[in-house]
Each structure stands twice: as C-alpha cells, then as structure tokens.
Amino acid sequence: MKNLFNPFNLFTVKNAYAASAASSGQGGWEGTLWSFAPLIAIVVIFYLLVILPQQKRTKDHKKMIDSLKVGDEILTNGGIYGIISGIADQVFTIEIAKDVKIKIAKNAIATKTSKS
C-alpha cells in the first residue's frame, strides 16, 4: 500500500515552472518596477505613520524647552514636579521642595505644567 502523505515529499521538487519577462507580456524595467511597488509603498507608509509624527513631537518638545523660564512649573521624565529656579547652558536647576534644589538636564523635562 502506498503512503499518501510522506513528509519528505515537501522537500523535493517535482516540477519547476519559470516565467520569463517576455512570456508575461511585460517589458524588462516595467516588470522590475512593479515588483518593487509593494516595498516602496511600505516605506512611504512607514515614513508617513512613524517618522513624520516623531519629528513633529521632537520639534514641539524642543520649542517647549526653549520657551521655559525661571518660575515655570515642570514635570520631569522621572515624575518629579518642580519649579525652575535657574537656567544654565544644558542644565536646569529646579526646586522640588522648600530649600531643596536639584540640577537636571534640559532633555529630562517632560512637560510644562500649570501652577496649582
């Protein structure tokens, strides 16, 4: 009796079929262009959905950091609320409690909060 399913048959080539560009009716460069169309579409969609919004967020965050001044209340990326008491080149000094001041990097600021 012949075995109907042989797992080793999955790895053998029974018939090989090849299609040439001439038999498909497409020219050489047109066929190549259409074969790259899905890849180009994926790159464009990735750019529109991931890269552009990230660039906008980065630009808005930089604008917010540049607009901060002494007396503004901020929230750091670590979750610390404080009031800016000093500004240096790349460092803010913030007061987190009465007479308790810490220095943080400018890029460690998450948002500017409203005074409550």
N, C-alpha and C. Protein backbone atom coordinates (compact mmCIF):
# COMPACT_ATOMS: atom_id res chain seq x y z
N MET A 1 0.84 -1.17 0.00
CA MET A 1 0.00 0.00 0.00
C MET A 1 0.89 1.24 0.00
N LYS A 2 0.49 2.22 -0.80
CA LYS A 2 1.29 3.43 -0.96
C LYS A 2 0.91 4.44 0.12
N ASN A 3 1.93 5.03 0.73
CA ASN A 3 1.71 6.05 1.75
C ASN A 3 1.28 7.35 1.06
N LEU A 4 0.11 7.88 1.43
CA LEU A 4 -0.41 9.08 0.76
C LEU A 4 0.32 10.34 1.19
N PHE A 5 0.73 10.40 2.42
CA PHE A 5 1.43 11.59 2.89
C PHE A 5 2.81 11.20 3.37
N ASN A 6 3.79 11.70 2.70
CA ASN A 6 5.16 11.47 3.08
C ASN A 6 5.78 12.83 3.38
N PRO A 7 6.20 13.09 4.62
CA PRO A 7 6.72 14.41 4.95
C PRO A 7 7.97 14.77 4.17
N PHE A 8 8.70 13.80 3.66
CA PHE A 8 9.91 14.10 2.90
C PHE A 8 9.60 14.60 1.50
N ASN A 9 8.37 14.41 1.05
CA ASN A 9 7.98 14.93 -0.26
C ASN A 9 7.88 16.45 -0.26
N LEU A 10 7.79 17.05 0.89
CA LEU A 10 7.72 18.50 0.96
C LEU A 10 9.02 19.15 0.52
N PHE A 11 10.13 18.42 0.62
CA PHE A 11 11.43 18.99 0.33
C PHE A 11 11.96 18.61 -1.05
N THR A 12 11.18 17.93 -1.82
CA THR A 12 11.63 17.55 -3.16
C THR A 12 10.92 18.41 -4.19
N VAL A 13 11.56 18.58 -5.30
CA VAL A 13 10.99 19.39 -6.38
C VAL A 13 10.43 18.44 -7.43
N LYS A 14 9.14 18.48 -7.62
CA LYS A 14 8.50 17.62 -8.62
C LYS A 14 8.57 18.30 -10.00
N ASN A 15 8.02 19.50 -10.08
CA ASN A 15 8.01 20.24 -11.33
C ASN A 15 8.41 21.68 -11.03
N ALA A 16 9.29 22.19 -11.84
CA ALA A 16 9.72 23.57 -11.66
C ALA A 16 9.17 24.38 -12.83
N TYR A 17 8.50 25.46 -12.49
CA TYR A 17 7.93 26.33 -13.51
C TYR A 17 8.60 27.69 -13.40
N ALA A 18 9.01 28.21 -14.52
CA ALA A 18 9.65 29.52 -14.53
C ALA A 18 8.93 30.39 -15.54
N ALA A 19 8.69 31.62 -15.15
CA ALA A 19 8.05 32.57 -16.05
C ALA A 19 9.07 33.62 -16.43
N SER A 20 9.19 33.84 -17.69
CA SER A 20 10.13 34.86 -18.14
C SER A 20 9.39 36.16 -18.35
N ALA A 21 10.13 37.26 -18.41
CA ALA A 21 9.51 38.56 -18.62
C ALA A 21 8.88 38.64 -20.00
N ALA A 22 9.46 37.98 -20.96
CA ALA A 22 8.93 38.02 -22.32
C ALA A 22 7.59 37.28 -22.41
N SER A 23 7.44 36.18 -21.69
CA SER A 23 6.20 35.42 -21.77
C SER A 23 5.08 36.05 -20.96
N SER A 24 5.42 36.90 -19.99
CA SER A 24 4.37 37.53 -19.18
C SER A 24 3.81 38.77 -19.86
N GLY A 25 4.46 39.25 -20.90
CA GLY A 25 3.93 40.39 -21.63
C GLY A 25 4.42 41.72 -21.10
N GLN A 26 5.27 41.75 -20.11
CA GLN A 26 5.78 43.00 -19.56
C GLN A 26 7.20 43.21 -20.01
N GLY A 27 7.57 44.48 -20.13
CA GLY A 27 8.94 44.81 -20.50
C GLY A 27 9.87 44.56 -19.34
N GLY A 28 11.16 44.68 -19.58
CA GLY A 28 12.15 44.40 -18.54
C GLY A 28 12.06 45.34 -17.35
N TRP A 29 12.11 46.65 -17.58
CA TRP A 29 12.12 47.58 -16.46
C TRP A 29 10.74 47.77 -15.86
N GLU A 30 9.69 47.60 -16.65
CA GLU A 30 8.33 47.74 -16.11
C GLU A 30 8.01 46.63 -15.12
N GLY A 31 8.43 45.43 -15.43
CA GLY A 31 8.21 44.31 -14.52
C GLY A 31 8.98 44.48 -13.23
N THR A 32 10.20 45.00 -13.34
CA THR A 32 11.02 45.26 -12.15
C THR A 32 10.40 46.35 -11.29
N LEU A 33 9.89 47.40 -11.95
CA LEU A 33 9.25 48.49 -11.20
C LEU A 33 8.03 48.00 -10.43
N TRP A 34 7.21 47.17 -11.08
CA TRP A 34 6.02 46.67 -10.41
C TRP A 34 6.37 45.69 -9.29
N SER A 35 7.48 45.02 -9.39
CA SER A 35 7.85 44.10 -8.33
C SER A 35 8.35 44.86 -7.09
N PHE A 36 8.88 46.07 -7.27
CA PHE A 36 9.32 46.89 -6.14
C PHE A 36 8.22 47.79 -5.59
N ALA A 37 7.07 47.86 -6.25
CA ALA A 37 5.98 48.74 -5.82
C ALA A 37 5.52 48.46 -4.39
N PRO A 38 5.33 47.21 -3.96
CA PRO A 38 4.91 46.98 -2.57
C PRO A 38 5.96 47.45 -1.56
N LEU A 39 7.23 47.25 -1.87
CA LEU A 39 8.30 47.71 -0.97
C LEU A 39 8.31 49.23 -0.87
N ILE A 40 8.14 49.89 -2.00
CA ILE A 40 8.10 51.36 -1.99
C ILE A 40 6.89 51.85 -1.21
N ALA A 41 5.75 51.20 -1.37
CA ALA A 41 4.54 51.58 -0.63
C ALA A 41 4.74 51.41 0.87
N ILE A 42 5.39 50.34 1.30
CA ILE A 42 5.64 50.10 2.72
C ILE A 42 6.54 51.19 3.29
N VAL A 43 7.58 51.57 2.54
CA VAL A 43 8.48 52.63 3.01
C VAL A 43 7.74 53.95 3.14
N VAL A 44 6.90 54.29 2.18
CA VAL A 44 6.15 55.54 2.22
C VAL A 44 5.17 55.54 3.40
N ILE A 45 4.47 54.45 3.60
CA ILE A 45 3.52 54.36 4.73
C ILE A 45 4.26 54.45 6.06
N PHE A 46 5.40 53.77 6.18
CA PHE A 46 6.21 53.84 7.40
C PHE A 46 6.65 55.27 7.67
N TYR A 47 7.08 55.97 6.63
CA TYR A 47 7.51 57.36 6.78
C TYR A 47 6.36 58.24 7.25
N LEU A 48 5.18 58.08 6.65
CA LEU A 48 4.04 58.92 7.00
C LEU A 48 3.48 58.62 8.38
N LEU A 49 3.50 57.36 8.80
CA LEU A 49 2.88 56.99 10.06
C LEU A 49 3.84 57.01 11.26
N VAL A 50 5.15 56.90 11.03
CA VAL A 50 6.08 56.81 12.14
C VAL A 50 7.05 57.99 12.19
N ILE A 51 7.73 58.25 11.10
CA ILE A 51 8.81 59.23 11.13
C ILE A 51 8.29 60.66 11.21
N LEU A 52 7.32 61.04 10.39
CA LEU A 52 6.80 62.41 10.43
C LEU A 52 6.21 62.79 11.79
N PRO A 53 5.34 61.96 12.41
CA PRO A 53 4.83 62.34 13.73
C PRO A 53 5.93 62.46 14.79
N GLN A 54 6.94 61.59 14.73
CA GLN A 54 8.04 61.67 15.69
C GLN A 54 8.83 62.95 15.51
N GLN A 55 9.06 63.36 14.26
CA GLN A 55 9.77 64.62 14.02
C GLN A 55 8.96 65.81 14.54
N LYS A 56 7.64 65.76 14.40
CA LYS A 56 6.80 66.85 14.90
C LYS A 56 6.84 66.91 16.42
N ARG A 57 6.77 65.75 17.10
CA ARG A 57 6.86 65.73 18.56
C ARG A 57 8.20 66.26 19.04
N THR A 58 9.27 65.88 18.35
CA THR A 58 10.61 66.35 18.73
C THR A 58 10.72 67.86 18.57
N LYS A 59 10.19 68.38 17.48
CA LYS A 59 10.24 69.82 17.23
C LYS A 59 9.41 70.58 18.28
N ASP A 60 8.22 70.08 18.60
CA ASP A 60 7.38 70.72 19.61
C ASP A 60 8.04 70.67 20.99
N HIS A 61 8.69 69.56 21.34
CA HIS A 61 9.36 69.45 22.64
C HIS A 61 10.52 70.42 22.73
N LYS A 62 11.29 70.56 21.66
CA LYS A 62 12.41 71.50 21.65
C LYS A 62 11.91 72.93 21.80
N LYS A 63 10.80 73.25 21.13
CA LYS A 63 10.23 74.59 21.25
C LYS A 63 9.76 74.85 22.69
N MET A 64 9.16 73.84 23.33
CA MET A 64 8.70 73.98 24.72
C MET A 64 9.90 74.18 25.65
N ILE A 65 10.97 73.42 25.46
CA ILE A 65 12.16 73.55 26.30
C ILE A 65 12.77 74.94 26.15
N ASP A 66 12.83 75.44 24.91
CA ASP A 66 13.41 76.76 24.68
C ASP A 66 12.56 77.89 25.27
N SER A 67 11.26 77.66 25.45
CA SER A 67 10.39 78.70 25.97
C SER A 67 10.32 78.73 27.50
N LEU A 68 10.93 77.77 28.18
CA LEU A 68 10.87 77.73 29.65
C LEU A 68 11.69 78.87 30.25
N LYS A 69 11.20 79.39 31.35
CA LYS A 69 11.91 80.47 32.05
C LYS A 69 11.84 80.22 33.55
N VAL A 70 12.57 81.00 34.31
CA VAL A 70 12.59 80.88 35.77
C VAL A 70 11.18 81.12 36.30
N GLY A 71 10.74 80.21 37.18
CA GLY A 71 9.41 80.32 37.78
C GLY A 71 8.39 79.38 37.17
N ASP A 72 8.71 78.77 36.03
CA ASP A 72 7.78 77.83 35.41
C ASP A 72 7.78 76.50 36.17
N GLU A 73 6.60 75.91 36.30
CA GLU A 73 6.48 74.61 36.94
C GLU A 73 6.59 73.53 35.88
N ILE A 74 7.39 72.51 36.15
CA ILE A 74 7.65 71.47 35.17
C ILE A 74 7.47 70.08 35.77
N LEU A 75 7.39 69.11 34.90
CA LEU A 75 7.37 67.70 35.27
C LEU A 75 8.51 67.03 34.52
N THR A 76 9.37 66.31 35.24
CA THR A 76 10.49 65.63 34.60
C THR A 76 10.05 64.26 34.09
N ASN A 77 10.91 63.66 33.29
CA ASN A 77 10.64 62.30 32.79
C ASN A 77 10.61 61.29 33.93
N GLY A 78 11.25 61.60 35.03
CA GLY A 78 11.26 60.70 36.19
C GLY A 78 10.05 60.88 37.09
N GLY A 79 9.18 61.84 36.77
CA GLY A 79 7.97 62.05 37.55
C GLY A 79 8.13 63.06 38.68
N ILE A 80 9.16 63.87 38.65
CA ILE A 80 9.40 64.86 39.70
C ILE A 80 8.82 66.20 39.25
N TYR A 81 7.96 66.78 40.10
CA TYR A 81 7.44 68.12 39.87
C TYR A 81 8.38 69.12 40.52
N GLY A 82 8.58 70.24 39.86
CA GLY A 82 9.43 71.27 40.43
C GLY A 82 9.23 72.59 39.74
N ILE A 83 9.83 73.61 40.32
CA ILE A 83 9.77 74.97 39.77
C ILE A 83 11.20 75.35 39.37
N ILE A 84 11.35 75.87 38.17
CA ILE A 84 12.67 76.25 37.67
C ILE A 84 13.18 77.43 38.47
N SER A 85 14.39 77.26 39.02
CA SER A 85 15.00 78.36 39.78
C SER A 85 16.29 78.86 39.13
N GLY A 86 16.78 78.14 38.15
CA GLY A 86 17.98 78.58 37.46
C GLY A 86 18.12 77.87 36.12
N ILE A 87 18.70 78.60 35.15
CA ILE A 87 18.89 78.03 33.82
C ILE A 87 20.35 78.22 33.43
N ALA A 88 20.99 77.12 33.05
CA ALA A 88 22.35 77.18 32.53
C ALA A 88 22.31 76.71 31.07
N ASP A 89 23.46 76.40 30.51
CA ASP A 89 23.54 76.04 29.10
C ASP A 89 22.68 74.81 28.78
N GLN A 90 22.95 73.68 29.40
CA GLN A 90 22.19 72.46 29.16
C GLN A 90 21.57 71.90 30.44
N VAL A 91 21.52 72.72 31.49
CA VAL A 91 21.06 72.25 32.80
C VAL A 91 20.05 73.24 33.37
N PHE A 92 19.00 72.67 33.95
CA PHE A 92 18.04 73.46 34.73
C PHE A 92 18.26 73.14 36.20
N THR A 93 18.14 74.14 37.04
CA THR A 93 18.10 73.92 38.49
C THR A 93 16.63 74.08 38.87
N ILE A 94 16.10 73.02 39.48
CA ILE A 94 14.68 73.10 39.87
C ILE A 94 14.58 72.91 41.38
N GLU A 95 13.60 73.60 41.92
CA GLU A 95 13.32 73.48 43.35
C GLU A 95 12.15 72.52 43.50
N ILE A 96 12.39 71.41 44.21
CA ILE A 96 11.35 70.39 44.34
C ILE A 96 10.65 70.46 45.70
N ALA A 97 11.25 71.13 46.64
CA ALA A 97 10.67 71.38 47.96
C ALA A 97 11.35 72.64 48.49
N LYS A 98 10.89 73.12 49.61
CA LYS A 98 11.48 74.33 50.16
C LYS A 98 12.95 74.07 50.48
N ASP A 99 13.81 74.88 49.89
CA ASP A 99 15.26 74.81 50.05
C ASP A 99 15.87 73.49 49.58
N VAL A 100 15.19 72.78 48.69
CA VAL A 100 15.72 71.55 48.10
C VAL A 100 15.78 71.77 46.58
N LYS A 101 17.00 71.90 46.06
CA LYS A 101 17.18 72.16 44.63
C LYS A 101 18.01 71.04 44.02
N ILE A 102 17.63 70.67 42.81
CA ILE A 102 18.39 69.67 42.07
C ILE A 102 18.66 70.21 40.67
N LYS A 103 19.72 69.67 40.07
CA LYS A 103 20.05 70.03 38.70
C LYS A 103 19.65 68.87 37.80
N ILE A 104 19.00 69.21 36.69
CA ILE A 104 18.62 68.19 35.71
C ILE A 104 18.99 68.67 34.32
N ALA A 105 19.18 67.73 33.43
CA ALA A 105 19.46 68.05 32.03
C ALA A 105 18.19 68.58 31.37
N LYS A 106 18.37 69.45 30.39
CA LYS A 106 17.21 70.03 29.71
C LYS A 106 16.36 68.97 29.04
N ASN A 107 16.99 67.94 28.50
CA ASN A 107 16.20 66.92 27.80
C ASN A 107 15.47 65.97 28.75
N ALA A 108 15.64 66.15 30.07
CA ALA A 108 14.95 65.31 31.05
C ALA A 108 13.60 65.90 31.44
N ILE A 109 13.22 67.02 30.84
CA ILE A 109 11.94 67.65 31.14
C ILE A 109 10.88 67.07 30.22
N ALA A 110 9.80 66.61 30.80
CA ALA A 110 8.72 66.01 30.01
C ALA A 110 7.75 67.10 29.54
N THR A 111 7.18 67.86 30.48
CA THR A 111 6.19 68.86 30.13
C THR A 111 6.27 70.05 31.06
N LYS A 112 5.66 71.12 30.60
CA LYS A 112 5.45 72.30 31.45
C LYS A 112 4.06 72.14 32.02
N THR A 113 3.94 72.26 33.35
CA THR A 113 2.64 72.08 33.98
C THR A 113 2.10 73.43 34.41
N SER A 114 0.82 73.47 34.69
CA SER A 114 0.23 74.72 35.17
C SER A 114 0.40 74.80 36.68
N LYS A 115 0.54 75.98 37.16
CA LYS A 115 0.70 76.16 38.60
C LYS A 115 -0.64 75.91 39.28
N SER A 116 -0.59 75.12 40.34
CA SER A 116 -1.85 74.82 41.05
C SER A 116 -1.90 75.49 42.39
